[in-house]
Protein backbone atom coordinates (compact mmCIF):
# COMPACT_ATOMS: atom_id res chain seq x y z
CA MET A 1 25.71 -38.03 21.18
CA LEU A 2 27.20 -34.59 20.62
CA LYS A 3 27.59 -35.30 16.90
CA GLY A 4 23.84 -35.93 16.48
CA ASP A 5 22.93 -32.75 18.32
CA SER A 6 25.42 -30.76 16.24
CA LYS A 7 23.87 -32.09 13.02
CA ILE A 8 20.38 -31.13 14.18
CA ILE A 9 21.50 -27.62 15.16
CA PHE A 10 23.39 -27.21 11.87
CA SER A 11 20.38 -28.42 9.85
CA PHE A 12 18.04 -26.09 11.74
CA ALA A 13 20.40 -23.12 11.22
CA LEU A 14 20.69 -23.96 7.51
CA ILE A 15 16.91 -24.06 7.13
CA ILE A 16 16.55 -20.69 8.88
CA ILE A 17 19.26 -19.13 6.67
CA CYS A 18 17.56 -20.44 3.51
CA PHE A 19 14.20 -19.14 4.69
CA ILE A 20 15.60 -15.66 5.40
CA GLY A 21 17.46 -15.68 2.09
CA ASN A 22 14.28 -16.44 0.18
CA ILE A 23 12.41 -13.62 1.87
CA ALA A 24 15.23 -11.14 1.25
CA CYS A 25 15.44 -12.05 -2.45
CA THR A 26 11.76 -11.57 -3.21
CA PRO A 27 11.50 -8.99 -6.00
CA GLU A 28 9.53 -5.84 -5.30
CA PRO A 29 6.37 -5.51 -7.38
CA GLN A 30 6.61 -3.08 -10.29
CA LEU A 31 4.04 -0.31 -9.95
CA SER A 32 2.62 1.67 -12.82
CA PRO A 33 2.82 5.47 -12.63
CA MET A 34 -0.91 5.56 -11.82
CA GLN A 35 -0.47 3.11 -8.92
CA VAL A 36 2.42 5.17 -7.55
CA ARG A 37 0.26 8.28 -7.79
CA GLN A 38 -2.58 6.54 -5.98
CA ILE A 39 -0.45 5.64 -2.95
CA THR A 40 1.37 8.96 -2.74
CA THR A 41 0.52 11.10 0.29
CA LYS A 42 0.42 14.87 0.04
CA LEU A 43 0.04 17.35 2.87
CA PHE A 44 -2.01 20.46 2.10
CA ASP A 45 -1.64 23.67 4.04
CA SER A 46 -5.33 24.51 4.24
CA ASP A 47 -8.37 23.77 6.35
CA TYR A 48 -10.08 20.38 6.12
CA GLU A 49 -13.30 21.57 4.49
CA THR A 50 -11.49 23.38 1.67
CA VAL A 51 -9.33 20.36 0.86
CA TYR A 52 -12.31 17.99 1.03
CA ARG A 53 -14.34 20.09 -1.36
CA ALA A 54 -11.34 20.47 -3.68
CA CYS A 55 -11.00 16.66 -3.79
CA LEU A 56 -14.65 16.37 -4.78
CA THR A 57 -14.14 18.96 -7.53
CA VAL A 58 -11.07 17.19 -8.90
CA LEU A 59 -12.87 13.85 -8.97
CA GLN A 60 -15.80 15.40 -10.85
CA ASP A 61 -13.44 17.15 -13.26
CA GLN A 62 -11.78 13.78 -13.97
CA GLY A 63 -15.15 12.26 -14.92
CA TYR A 64 -16.02 10.47 -11.70
CA ILE A 65 -19.63 10.32 -10.59
CA ILE A 66 -19.89 11.04 -6.87
CA LYS A 67 -22.22 8.49 -5.30
CA ASN A 68 -21.85 9.23 -1.59
CA THR A 69 -19.85 11.56 0.64
CA ASP A 70 -19.31 11.92 4.37
CA MET A 71 -17.23 14.92 5.30
CA ASP A 72 -16.98 13.89 8.97
CA SER A 73 -15.17 10.64 8.15
CA GLY A 74 -13.53 11.86 4.93
CA LEU A 75 -15.24 9.20 2.84
CA ILE A 76 -15.89 9.83 -0.83
CA VAL A 77 -17.51 7.07 -2.88
CA ALA A 78 -17.25 7.64 -6.62
CA SER A 79 -17.23 5.62 -9.81
CA ILE A 80 -16.14 6.10 -13.37
CA THR A 81 -17.12 4.34 -16.57
CA LYS A 82 -14.63 4.22 -19.40
């Protein structure tokens, strides 16, 4: 009876090890420089209103059309056509 239990425990352990191995070996997605730039966080040493307005200016300078803004929540909705 002990042999059967040992086989079940061994099989279960082997399945868990294979599962963990597959997760650990998953390749990381390759990000383009633009994607890396989009997820990069930067801390500005200025007041909120100045930074918010500067973000709007940069978006407009880059060709974005500002559709909606809400300074209280920090939301800026913009689009670009290329």
